[in-house]
């Protein structure tokens, strides 16, 4: 699958549970929406992903990427009820980095 470079980096960072590399994929003013919560800015995003990595240890397997919709469908596997699940990641980009991410 041909993923944009920044999305491939994000997936690699997640699969290594590397919160520093993960947050490096985002702009300084990025916003993440996940499980009814909103995280604004790199510091908040890093705290969120560190906590999620510690609790769930999620890995991602990309299944489908839509350039037009800027969405990635991925199977996620981790320490949570119902694992594995297929989630959709909705992105917007700015300056080759992720400006917003909504996970549904």
PDB file of N, CA and C in Angstrom:
ATOM      1  N   UNK A   1       0.852  -1.173   0.000  1.00  0.00           N
ATOM      2  CA  UNK A   1       0.000   0.000   0.000  1.00  0.00           C
ATOM      3  C   UNK A   1       0.900   1.240   0.000  1.00  0.00           C
ATOM      4  N   UNK A   2       0.542   2.199  -0.821  1.00  0.00           N
ATOM      5  CA  UNK A   2       1.321   3.425  -0.952  1.00  0.00           C
ATOM      6  C   UNK A   2       0.749   4.502  -0.029  1.00  0.00           C
ATOM      7  N   UNK A   3       1.344   4.652   1.140  1.00  0.00           N
ATOM      8  CA  UNK A   3       0.895   5.648   2.111  1.00  0.00           C
ATOM      9  C   UNK A   3       1.732   6.908   1.980  1.00  0.00           C
ATOM     10  N   UNK A   4       1.134   8.071   2.250  1.00  0.00           N
ATOM     11  CA  UNK A   4       1.951   9.281   2.331  1.00  0.00           C
ATOM     12  C   UNK A   4       3.044   9.074   3.386  1.00  0.00           C
ATOM     13  N   UNK A   5       4.190   9.687   3.140  1.00  0.00           N
ATOM     14  CA  UNK A   5       5.351   9.511   4.016  1.00  0.00           C
ATOM     15  C   UNK A   5       5.006   9.761   5.488  1.00  0.00           C
ATOM     16  N   UNK A   6       4.280  10.815   5.778  1.00  0.00           N
ATOM     17  CA  UNK A   6       3.984  11.161   7.162  1.00  0.00           C
ATOM     18  C   UNK A   6       3.067  10.130   7.819  1.00  0.00           C
ATOM     19  N   UNK A   7       2.156   9.542   7.048  1.00  0.00           N
ATOM     20  CA  UNK A   7       1.272   8.501   7.593  1.00  0.00           C
ATOM     21  C   UNK A   7       2.065   7.223   7.837  1.00  0.00           C
ATOM     22  N   UNK A   8       2.958   6.879   6.918  1.00  0.00           N
ATOM     23  CA  UNK A   8       3.820   5.714   7.115  1.00  0.00           C
ATOM     24  C   UNK A   8       4.664   5.893   8.383  1.00  0.00           C
ATOM     25  N   UNK A   9       5.175   7.108   8.597  1.00  0.00           N
ATOM     26  CA  UNK A   9       5.950   7.386   9.816  1.00  0.00           C
ATOM     27  C   UNK A   9       5.097   7.230  11.067  1.00  0.00           C
ATOM     28  N   UNK A  10       3.855   7.717  11.005  1.00  0.00           N
ATOM     29  CA  UNK A  10       2.945   7.611  12.143  1.00  0.00           C
ATOM     30  C   UNK A  10       2.666   6.143  12.479  1.00  0.00           C
ATOM     31  N   UNK A  11       2.388   5.344  11.462  1.00  0.00           N
ATOM     32  CA  UNK A  11       2.114   3.916  11.669  1.00  0.00           C
ATOM     33  C   UNK A  11       3.342   3.232  12.267  1.00  0.00           C
ATOM     34  N   UNK A  12       4.525   3.520  11.724  1.00  0.00           N
ATOM     35  CA  UNK A  12       5.759   2.927  12.262  1.00  0.00           C
ATOM     36  C   UNK A  12       5.960   3.310  13.721  1.00  0.00           C
ATOM     37  N   UNK A  13       5.747   4.600  14.029  1.00  0.00           N
ATOM     38  CA  UNK A  13       5.912   5.068  15.407  1.00  0.00           C
ATOM     39  C   UNK A  13       4.928   4.358  16.332  1.00  0.00           C
ATOM     40  N   UNK A  14       3.679   4.207  15.882  1.00  0.00           N
ATOM     41  CA  UNK A  14       2.682   3.535  16.708  1.00  0.00           C
ATOM     42  C   UNK A  14       3.060   2.079  16.928  1.00  0.00           C
ATOM     43  N   UNK A  15       3.510   1.415  15.887  1.00  0.00           N
ATOM     44  CA  UNK A  15       3.850   0.001  16.010  1.00  0.00           C
ATOM     45  C   UNK A  15       5.075  -0.235  16.888  1.00  0.00           C
ATOM     46  N   UNK A  16       5.892   0.802  17.067  1.00  0.00           N
ATOM     47  CA  UNK A  16       7.042   0.722  17.968  1.00  0.00           C
ATOM     48  C   UNK A  16       6.713   1.301  19.353  1.00  0.00           C
ATOM     49  N   UNK A  17       5.463   1.769  19.519  1.00  0.00           N
ATOM     50  CA  UNK A  17       5.016   2.420  20.760  1.00  0.00           C
ATOM     51  C   UNK A  17       5.945   3.580  21.119  1.00  0.00           C
ATOM     52  N   UNK A  18       6.364   4.319  20.088  1.00  0.00           N
ATOM     53  CA  UNK A  18       7.309   5.428  20.236  1.00  0.00           C
ATOM     54  C   UNK A  18       6.529   6.746  20.203  1.00  0.00           C
ATOM     55  N   UNK A  19       6.169   7.242  21.371  1.00  0.00           N
ATOM     56  CA  UNK A  19       5.339   8.452  21.444  1.00  0.00           C
ATOM     57  C   UNK A  19       6.064   9.684  20.922  1.00  0.00           C
ATOM     58  N   UNK A  20       7.376   9.757  21.072  1.00  0.00           N
ATOM     59  CA  UNK A  20       8.143  10.907  20.568  1.00  0.00           C
ATOM     60  C   UNK A  20       8.094  10.937  19.035  1.00  0.00           C
ATOM     61  N   UNK A  21       8.357   9.829  18.393  1.00  0.00           N
ATOM     62  CA  UNK A  21       8.294   9.772  16.926  1.00  0.00           C
ATOM     63  C   UNK A  21       6.863  10.003  16.444  1.00  0.00           C
ATOM     64  N   UNK A  22       5.883   9.520  17.206  1.00  0.00           N
ATOM     65  CA  UNK A  22       4.476   9.704  16.861  1.00  0.00           C
ATOM     66  C   UNK A  22       4.129  11.187  16.834  1.00  0.00           C
ATOM     67  N   UNK A  23       4.449  11.892  17.901  1.00  0.00           N
ATOM     68  CA  UNK A  23       4.083  13.307  17.995  1.00  0.00           C
ATOM     69  C   UNK A  23       4.883  14.155  17.008  1.00  0.00           C
ATOM     70  N   UNK A  24       6.044  13.700  16.587  1.00  0.00           N
ATOM     71  CA  UNK A  24       6.825  14.422  15.580  1.00  0.00           C
ATOM     72  C   UNK A  24       6.123  14.474  14.223  1.00  0.00           C
ATOM     73  N   UNK A  25       5.087  13.683  14.044  1.00  0.00           N
ATOM     74  CA  UNK A  25       4.316  13.674  12.798  1.00  0.00           C
ATOM     75  C   UNK A  25       3.289  14.813  12.748  1.00  0.00           C
ATOM     76  N   UNK A  26       3.125  15.550  13.840  1.00  0.00           N
ATOM     77  CA  UNK A  26       2.091  16.575  13.958  1.00  0.00           C
ATOM     78  C   UNK A  26       2.677  17.982  13.951  1.00  0.00           C
ATOM     79  N   UNK A  27       1.843  18.945  13.523  1.00  0.00           N
ATOM     80  CA  UNK A  27       2.207  20.351  13.632  1.00  0.00           C
ATOM     81  C   UNK A  27       2.140  20.769  15.105  1.00  0.00           C
ATOM     82  N   UNK A  28       2.693  21.927  15.416  1.00  0.00           N
ATOM     83  CA  UNK A  28       2.657  22.445  16.796  1.00  0.00           C
ATOM     84  C   UNK A  28       1.228  22.687  17.276  1.00  0.00           C
ATOM     85  N   UNK A  29       0.327  23.041  16.346  1.00  0.00           N
ATOM     86  CA  UNK A  29      -1.055  23.388  16.710  1.00  0.00           C
ATOM     87  C   UNK A  29      -2.056  22.292  16.352  1.00  0.00           C
ATOM     88  N   UNK A  30      -1.574  21.092  16.161  1.00  0.00           N
ATOM     89  CA  UNK A  30      -2.430  19.975  15.744  1.00  0.00           C
ATOM     90  C   UNK A  30      -3.511  19.675  16.778  1.00  0.00           C
ATOM     91  N   UNK A  31      -4.574  19.042  16.286  1.00  0.00           N
ATOM     92  CA  UNK A  31      -5.707  18.628  17.122  1.00  0.00           C
ATOM     93  C   UNK A  31      -5.995  17.159  16.835  1.00  0.00           C
ATOM     94  N   UNK A  32      -6.210  16.388  17.898  1.00  0.00           N
ATOM     95  CA  UNK A  32      -6.603  14.983  17.784  1.00  0.00           C
ATOM     96  C   UNK A  32      -7.933  14.803  18.490  1.00  0.00           C
ATOM     97  N   UNK A  33      -8.857  14.097  17.825  1.00  0.00           N
ATOM     98  CA  UNK A  33     -10.151  13.720  18.410  1.00  0.00           C
ATOM     99  C   UNK A  33     -10.169  12.191  18.501  1.00  0.00           C
ATOM    100  N   UNK A  34     -10.336  11.675  19.714  1.00  0.00           N
ATOM    101  CA  UNK A  34     -10.366  10.223  19.919  1.00  0.00           C
ATOM    102  C   UNK A  34     -11.233   9.915  21.135  1.00  0.00           C
ATOM    103  N   UNK A  35     -12.117   8.960  20.999  1.00  0.00           N
ATOM    104  CA  UNK A  35     -12.986   8.493  22.095  1.00  0.00           C
ATOM    105  C   UNK A  35     -13.678   9.640  22.818  1.00  0.00           C
ATOM    106  N   UNK A  36     -14.198  10.592  22.043  1.00  0.00           N
ATOM    107  CA  UNK A  36     -14.955  11.696  22.617  1.00  0.00           C
ATOM    108  C   UNK A  36     -14.111  12.777  23.270  1.00  0.00           C
ATOM    109  N   UNK A  37     -12.810  12.677  23.176  1.00  0.00           N
ATOM    110  CA  UNK A  37     -11.901  13.657  23.769  1.00  0.00           C
ATOM    111  C   UNK A  37     -11.161  14.416  22.667  1.00  0.00           C
ATOM    112  N   UNK A  38     -10.746  15.643  22.984  1.00  0.00           N
ATOM    113  CA  UNK A  38      -9.976  16.462  22.060  1.00  0.00           C
ATOM    114  C   UNK A  38      -8.664  16.831  22.719  1.00  0.00           C
ATOM    115  N   UNK A  39      -7.583  16.685  21.964  1.00  0.00           N
ATOM    116  CA  UNK A  39      -6.239  16.996  22.435  1.00  0.00           C
ATOM    117  C   UNK A  39      -5.652  18.039  21.490  1.00  0.00           C
ATOM    118  N   UNK A  40      -5.264  19.190  22.041  1.00  0.00           N
ATOM    119  CA  UNK A  40      -4.783  20.299  21.224  1.00  0.00           C
ATOM    120  C   UNK A  40      -3.326  20.594  21.528  1.00  0.00           C
ATOM    121  N   UNK A  41      -2.506  20.618  20.476  1.00  0.00           N
ATOM    122  CA  UNK A  41      -1.084  20.915  20.609  1.00  0.00           C
ATOM    123  C   UNK A  41      -0.266  19.654  20.850  1.00  0.00           C
ATOM    124  N   UNK A  42       1.021  19.757  20.511  1.00  0.00           N
ATOM    125  CA  UNK A  42       1.898  18.586  20.582  1.00  0.00           C
ATOM    126  C   UNK A  42       2.050  18.033  22.002  1.00  0.00           C
ATOM    127  N   UNK A  43       2.106  18.897  23.010  1.00  0.00           N
ATOM    128  CA  UNK A  43       2.250  18.403  24.385  1.00  0.00           C
ATOM    129  C   UNK A  43       1.066  17.537  24.790  1.00  0.00           C
ATOM    130  N   UNK A  44      -0.144  18.020  24.514  1.00  0.00           N
ATOM    131  CA  UNK A  44      -1.354  17.263  24.866  1.00  0.00           C
ATOM    132  C   UNK A  44      -1.428  15.969  24.065  1.00  0.00           C
ATOM    133  N   UNK A  45      -1.050  16.027  22.795  1.00  0.00           N
ATOM    134  CA  UNK A  45      -1.072  14.828  21.950  1.00  0.00           C
ATOM    135  C   UNK A  45      -0.059  13.813  22.470  1.00  0.00           C
ATOM    136  N   UNK A  46       1.115  14.272  22.873  1.00  0.00           N
ATOM    137  CA  UNK A  46       2.113  13.335  23.388  1.00  0.00           C
ATOM    138  C   UNK A  46       1.641  12.690  24.696  1.00  0.00           C
ATOM    139  N   UNK A  47       1.043  13.464  25.588  1.00  0.00           N
ATOM    140  CA  UNK A  47       0.515  12.873  26.834  1.00  0.00           C
ATOM    141  C   UNK A  47      -0.560  11.828  26.522  1.00  0.00           C
ATOM    142  N   UNK A  48      -1.445  12.158  25.556  1.00  0.00           N
ATOM    143  CA  UNK A  48      -2.508  11.227  25.171  1.00  0.00           C
ATOM    144  C   UNK A  48      -1.930   9.924  24.621  1.00  0.00           C
ATOM    145  N   UNK A  49      -0.981  10.019  23.689  1.00  0.00           N
ATOM    146  CA  UNK A  49      -0.471   8.799  23.066  1.00  0.00           C
ATOM    147  C   UNK A  49       0.383   8.001  24.041  1.00  0.00           C
ATOM    148  N   UNK A  50       1.120   8.661  24.928  1.00  0.00           N
ATOM    149  CA  UNK A  50       1.892   7.932  25.939  1.00  0.00           C
ATOM    150  C   UNK A  50       0.967   7.128  26.843  1.00  0.00           C
ATOM    151  N   UNK A  51      -0.112   7.763  27.286  1.00  0.00           N
ATOM    152  CA  UNK A  51      -1.074   7.084  28.157  1.00  0.00           C
ATOM    153  C   UNK A  51      -1.745   5.916  27.415  1.00  0.00           C
ATOM    154  N   UNK A  52      -2.142   6.166  26.166  1.00  0.00           N
ATOM    155  CA  UNK A  52      -2.785   5.116  25.365  1.00  0.00           C
ATOM    156  C   UNK A  52      -1.819   3.953  25.113  1.00  0.00           C
ATOM    157  N   UNK A  53      -0.565   4.267  24.794  1.00  0.00           N
ATOM    158  CA  UNK A  53       0.420   3.206  24.556  1.00  0.00           C
ATOM    159  C   UNK A  53       0.635   2.362  25.799  1.00  0.00           C
ATOM    160  N   UNK A  54       0.725   3.024  26.941  1.00  0.00           N
ATOM    161  CA  UNK A  54       0.936   2.304  28.192  1.00  0.00           C
ATOM    162  C   UNK A  54      -0.255   1.405  28.518  1.00  0.00           C
ATOM    163  N   UNK A  55      -1.445   1.932  28.316  1.00  0.00           N
ATOM    164  CA  UNK A  55      -2.662   1.211  28.686  1.00  0.00           C
ATOM    165  C   UNK A  55      -3.034   0.122  27.679  1.00  0.00           C
ATOM    166  N   UNK A  56      -2.964   0.452  26.371  1.00  0.00           N
ATOM    167  CA  UNK A  56      -3.515  -0.452  25.354  1.00  0.00           C
ATOM    168  C   UNK A  56      -2.474  -1.156  24.498  1.00  0.00           C
ATOM    169  N   UNK A  57      -1.275  -0.621  24.375  1.00  0.00           N
ATOM    170  CA  UNK A  57      -0.212  -1.198  23.543  1.00  0.00           C
ATOM    171  C   UNK A  57      -0.719  -1.550  22.145  1.00  0.00           C
ATOM    172  N   UNK A  58      -1.285  -0.555  21.495  1.00  0.00           N
ATOM    173  CA  UNK A  58      -1.917  -0.734  20.186  1.00  0.00           C
ATOM    174  C   UNK A  58      -0.891  -0.784  19.068  1.00  0.00           C
ATOM    175  N   UNK A  59      -1.087  -1.737  18.162  1.00  0.00           N
ATOM    176  CA  UNK A  59      -0.358  -1.750  16.903  1.00  0.00           C
ATOM    177  C   UNK A  59      -1.373  -1.590  15.778  1.00  0.00           C
ATOM    178  N   UNK A  60      -0.892  -1.037  14.660  1.00  0.00           N
ATOM    179  CA  UNK A  60      -1.765  -0.741  13.520  1.00  0.00           C
ATOM    180  C   UNK A  60      -1.339  -1.537  12.290  1.00  0.00           C
ATOM    181  N   UNK A  61      -2.332  -2.029  11.558  1.00  0.00           N
ATOM    182  CA  UNK A  61      -2.086  -2.674  10.273  1.00  0.00           C
ATOM    183  C   UNK A  61      -2.933  -1.927   9.238  1.00  0.00           C
ATOM    184  N   UNK A  62      -2.305  -1.069   8.424  1.00  0.00           N
ATOM    185  CA  UNK A  62      -3.068  -0.336   7.408  1.00  0.00           C
ATOM    186  C   UNK A  62      -3.784  -1.296   6.451  1.00  0.00           C
ATOM    187  N   UNK A  63      -5.023  -0.948   6.130  1.00  0.00           N
ATOM    188  CA  UNK A  63      -5.821  -1.775   5.231  1.00  0.00           C
ATOM    189  C   UNK A  63      -6.166  -1.035   3.945  1.00  0.00           C
ATOM    190  N   UNK A  64      -6.457   0.267   4.056  1.00  0.00           N
ATOM    191  CA  UNK A  64      -6.892   1.041   2.883  1.00  0.00           C
ATOM    192  C   UNK A  64      -6.645   2.518   3.146  1.00  0.00           C
ATOM    193  N   UNK A  65      -6.076   3.203   2.159  1.00  0.00           N
ATOM    194  CA  UNK A  65      -5.872   4.647   2.273  1.00  0.00           C
ATOM    195  C   UNK A  65      -6.578   5.333   1.118  1.00  0.00           C
ATOM    196  N   UNK A  66      -7.327   6.393   1.419  1.00  0.00           N
ATOM    197  CA  UNK A  66      -8.020   7.179   0.402  1.00  0.00           C
ATOM    198  C   UNK A  66      -7.380   8.559   0.342  1.00  0.00           C
ATOM    199  N   UNK A  67      -6.735   8.865  -0.776  1.00  0.00           N
ATOM    200  CA  UNK A  67      -6.115  10.167  -0.965  1.00  0.00           C
ATOM    201  C   UNK A  67      -7.180  11.257  -0.979  1.00  0.00           C
ATOM    202  N   UNK A  68      -8.268  11.028  -1.704  1.00  0.00           N
ATOM    203  CA  UNK A  68      -9.325  12.026  -1.821  1.00  0.00           C
ATOM    204  C   UNK A  68      -9.979  12.372  -0.493  1.00  0.00           C
ATOM    205  N   UNK A  69     -10.251  11.354   0.313  1.00  0.00           N
ATOM    206  CA  UNK A  69     -10.895  11.558   1.617  1.00  0.00           C
ATOM    207  C   UNK A  69      -9.887  11.786   2.738  1.00  0.00           C
ATOM    208  N   UNK A  70      -8.619  11.565   2.444  1.00  0.00           N
ATOM    209  CA  UNK A  70      -7.552  11.638   3.444  1.00  0.00           C
ATOM    210  C   UNK A  70      -7.887  10.788   4.660  1.00  0.00           C
ATOM    211  N   UNK A  71      -8.237   9.518   4.383  1.00  0.00           N
ATOM    212  CA  UNK A  71      -8.572   8.587   5.453  1.00  0.00           C
ATOM    213  C   UNK A  71      -7.735   7.321   5.337  1.00  0.00           C
ATOM    214  N   UNK A  72      -7.459   6.764   6.476  1.00  0.00           N
ATOM    215  CA  UNK A  72      -6.781   5.475   6.558  1.00  0.00           C
ATOM    216  C   UNK A  72      -7.665   4.537   7.371  1.00  0.00           C
ATOM    217  N   UNK A  73      -7.980   3.384   6.789  1.00  0.00           N
ATOM    218  CA  UNK A  73      -8.634   2.322   7.555  1.00  0.00           C
ATOM    219  C   UNK A  73      -7.524   1.387   7.991  1.00  0.00           C
ATOM    220  N   UNK A  74      -7.522   1.082   9.288  1.00  0.00           N
ATOM    221  CA  UNK A  74      -6.483   0.217   9.829  1.00  0.00           C
ATOM    222  C   UNK A  74      -7.068  -0.723  10.860  1.00  0.00           C
ATOM    223  N   UNK A  75      -6.530  -1.934  10.875  1.00  0.00           N
ATOM    224  CA  UNK A  75      -6.859  -2.873  11.932  1.00  0.00           C
ATOM    225  C   UNK A  75      -5.944  -2.559  13.102  1.00  0.00           C
ATOM    226  N   UNK A  76      -6.527  -2.402  14.267  1.00  0.00           N
ATOM    227  CA  UNK A  76      -5.716  -2.161  15.453  1.00  0.00           C
ATOM    228  C   UNK A  76      -5.853  -3.346  16.392  1.00  0.00           C
ATOM    229  N   UNK A  77      -4.745  -3.690  16.990  1.00  0.00           N
ATOM    230  CA  UNK A  77      -4.658  -4.827  17.896  1.00  0.00           C
ATOM    231  C   UNK A  77      -4.013  -4.337  19.177  1.00  0.00           C
ATOM    232  N   UNK A  78      -4.603  -4.677  20.315  1.00  0.00           N
ATOM    233  CA  UNK A  78      -4.028  -4.234  21.576  1.00  0.00           C
ATOM    234  C   UNK A  78      -4.741  -4.842  22.760  1.00  0.00           C
ATOM    235  N   UNK A  79      -4.443  -4.289  23.919  1.00  0.00           N
ATOM    236  CA  UNK A  79      -5.016  -4.761  25.182  1.00  0.00           C
ATOM    237  C   UNK A  79      -6.289  -3.988  25.500  1.00  0.00           C
ATOM    238  N   UNK A  80      -7.348  -4.252  24.754  1.00  0.00           N
ATOM    239  CA  UNK A  80      -8.626  -3.601  24.983  1.00  0.00           C
ATOM    240  C   UNK A  80      -9.739  -4.546  24.545  1.00  0.00           C
ATOM    241  N   UNK A  81     -10.928  -4.398  25.128  1.00  0.00           N
ATOM    242  CA  UNK A  81     -12.050  -5.259  24.761  1.00  0.00           C
ATOM    243  C   UNK A  81     -12.381  -5.129  23.281  1.00  0.00           C
ATOM    244  N   UNK A  82     -12.628  -6.259  22.645  1.00  0.00           N
ATOM    245  CA  UNK A  82     -13.010  -6.262  21.235  1.00  0.00           C
ATOM    246  C   UNK A  82     -11.846  -6.286  20.271  1.00  0.00           C
ATOM    247  N   UNK A  83     -10.624  -6.322  20.782  1.00  0.00           N
ATOM    248  CA  UNK A  83      -9.442  -6.344  19.918  1.00  0.00           C
ATOM    249  C   UNK A  83      -9.426  -7.634  19.118  1.00  0.00           C
ATOM    250  N   UNK A  84      -9.115  -7.559  17.830  1.00  0.00           N
ATOM    251  CA  UNK A  84      -8.781  -6.376  17.033  1.00  0.00           C
ATOM    252  C   UNK A  84     -10.036  -5.675  16.512  1.00  0.00           C
ATOM    253  N   UNK A  85      -9.870  -4.387  16.199  1.00  0.00           N
ATOM    254  CA  UNK A  85     -10.921  -3.559  15.613  1.00  0.00           C
ATOM    255  C   UNK A  85     -10.400  -2.914  14.341  1.00  0.00           C
ATOM    256  N   UNK A  86     -11.332  -2.516  13.480  1.00  0.00           N
ATOM    257  CA  UNK A  86     -10.974  -1.701  12.316  1.00  0.00           C
ATOM    258  C   UNK A  86     -11.463  -0.283  12.598  1.00  0.00           C
ATOM    259  N   UNK A  87     -10.551   0.668  12.563  1.00  0.00           N
ATOM    260  CA  UNK A  87     -10.873   2.071  12.796  1.00  0.00           C
ATOM    261  C   UNK A  87     -10.532   2.878  11.556  1.00  0.00           C
ATOM    262  N   UNK A  88     -11.184   4.029  11.442  1.00  0.00           N
ATOM    263  CA  UNK A  88     -10.894   4.960  10.356  1.00  0.00           C
ATOM    264  C   UNK A  88     -10.251   6.200  10.944  1.00  0.00           C
ATOM    265  N   UNK A  89      -9.138   6.590  10.354  1.00  0.00           N
ATOM    266  CA  UNK A  89      -8.367   7.761  10.769  1.00  0.00           C
ATOM    267  C   UNK A  89      -8.555   8.832   9.707  1.00  0.00           C
ATOM    268  N   UNK A  90      -9.162   9.956  10.085  1.00  0.00           N
ATOM    269  CA  UNK A  90      -9.404  11.082   9.174  1.00  0.00           C
ATOM    270  C   UNK A  90      -8.324  12.134   9.434  1.00  0.00           C
ATOM    271  N   UNK A  91      -7.615  12.535   8.378  1.00  0.00           N
ATOM    272  CA  UNK A  91      -6.491  13.455   8.518  1.00  0.00           C
ATOM    273  C   UNK A  91      -6.719  14.752   7.765  1.00  0.00           C
ATOM    274  N   UNK A  92      -6.118  15.818   8.253  1.00  0.00           N
ATOM    275  CA  UNK A  92      -5.839  17.009   7.448  1.00  0.00           C
ATOM    276  C   UNK A  92      -4.358  17.290   7.650  1.00  0.00           C
ATOM    277  N   UNK A  93      -3.758  17.915   6.639  1.00  0.00           N
ATOM    278  CA  UNK A  93      -2.313  18.129   6.639  1.00  0.00           C
ATOM    279  C   UNK A  93      -1.981  19.606   6.470  1.00  0.00           C
ATOM    280  N   UNK A  94      -0.832  19.993   7.001  1.00  0.00           N
ATOM    281  CA  UNK A  94      -0.282  21.324   6.764  1.00  0.00           C
ATOM    282  C   UNK A  94       1.237  21.204   6.771  1.00  0.00           C
ATOM    283  N   UNK A  95       1.849  21.722   5.720  1.00  0.00           N
ATOM    284  CA  UNK A  95       3.314  21.703   5.610  1.00  0.00           C
ATOM    285  C   UNK A  95       3.891  20.297   5.801  1.00  0.00           C
ATOM    286  N   UNK A  96       3.262  19.313   5.176  1.00  0.00           N
ATOM    287  CA  UNK A  96       3.701  17.914   5.178  1.00  0.00           C
ATOM    288  C   UNK A  96       3.618  17.248   6.549  1.00  0.00           C
ATOM    289  N   UNK A  97       2.887  17.859   7.487  1.00  0.00           N
ATOM    290  CA  UNK A  97       2.665  17.275   8.800  1.00  0.00           C
ATOM    291  C   UNK A  97       1.143  17.146   9.040  1.00  0.00           C
ATOM    292  N   UNK A  98       0.772  16.401  10.052  1.00  0.00           N
ATOM    293  CA  UNK A  98      -0.638  16.216  10.376  1.00  0.00           C
ATOM    294  C   UNK A  98      -1.111  17.429  11.185  1.00  0.00           C
ATOM    295  N   UNK A  99      -2.173  18.085  10.684  1.00  0.00           N
ATOM    296  CA  UNK A  99      -2.782  19.212  11.386  1.00  0.00           C
ATOM    297  C   UNK A  99      -3.942  18.742  12.255  1.00  0.00           C
ATOM    298  N   UNK A 100      -4.683  17.749  11.767  1.00  0.00           N
ATOM    299  CA  UNK A 100      -5.763  17.202  12.585  1.00  0.00           C
ATOM    300  C   UNK A 100      -5.924  15.719  12.290  1.00  0.00           C
ATOM    301  N   UNK A 101      -6.373  15.012  13.319  1.00  0.00           N
ATOM    302  CA  UNK A 101      -6.636  13.588  13.233  1.00  0.00           C
ATOM    303  C   UNK A 101      -7.893  13.300  14.030  1.00  0.00           C
ATOM    304  N   UNK A 102      -8.835  12.639  13.377  1.00  0.00           N
ATOM    305  CA  UNK A 102     -10.038  12.169  14.062  1.00  0.00           C
ATOM    306  C   UNK A 102     -10.100  10.663  13.879  1.00  0.00           C
ATOM    307  N   UNK A 103     -10.220   9.954  14.990  1.00  0.00           N
ATOM    308  CA  UNK A 103     -10.256   8.490  14.962  1.00  0.00           C
ATOM    309  C   UNK A 103     -11.668   8.032  15.263  1.00  0.00           C
ATOM    310  N   UNK A 104     -12.251   7.273  14.328  1.00  0.00           N
ATOM    311  CA  UNK A 104     -13.620   6.755  14.505  1.00  0.00           C
ATOM    312  C   UNK A 104     -13.682   5.294  14.140  1.00  0.00           C
TER     313      UNK A 104
END
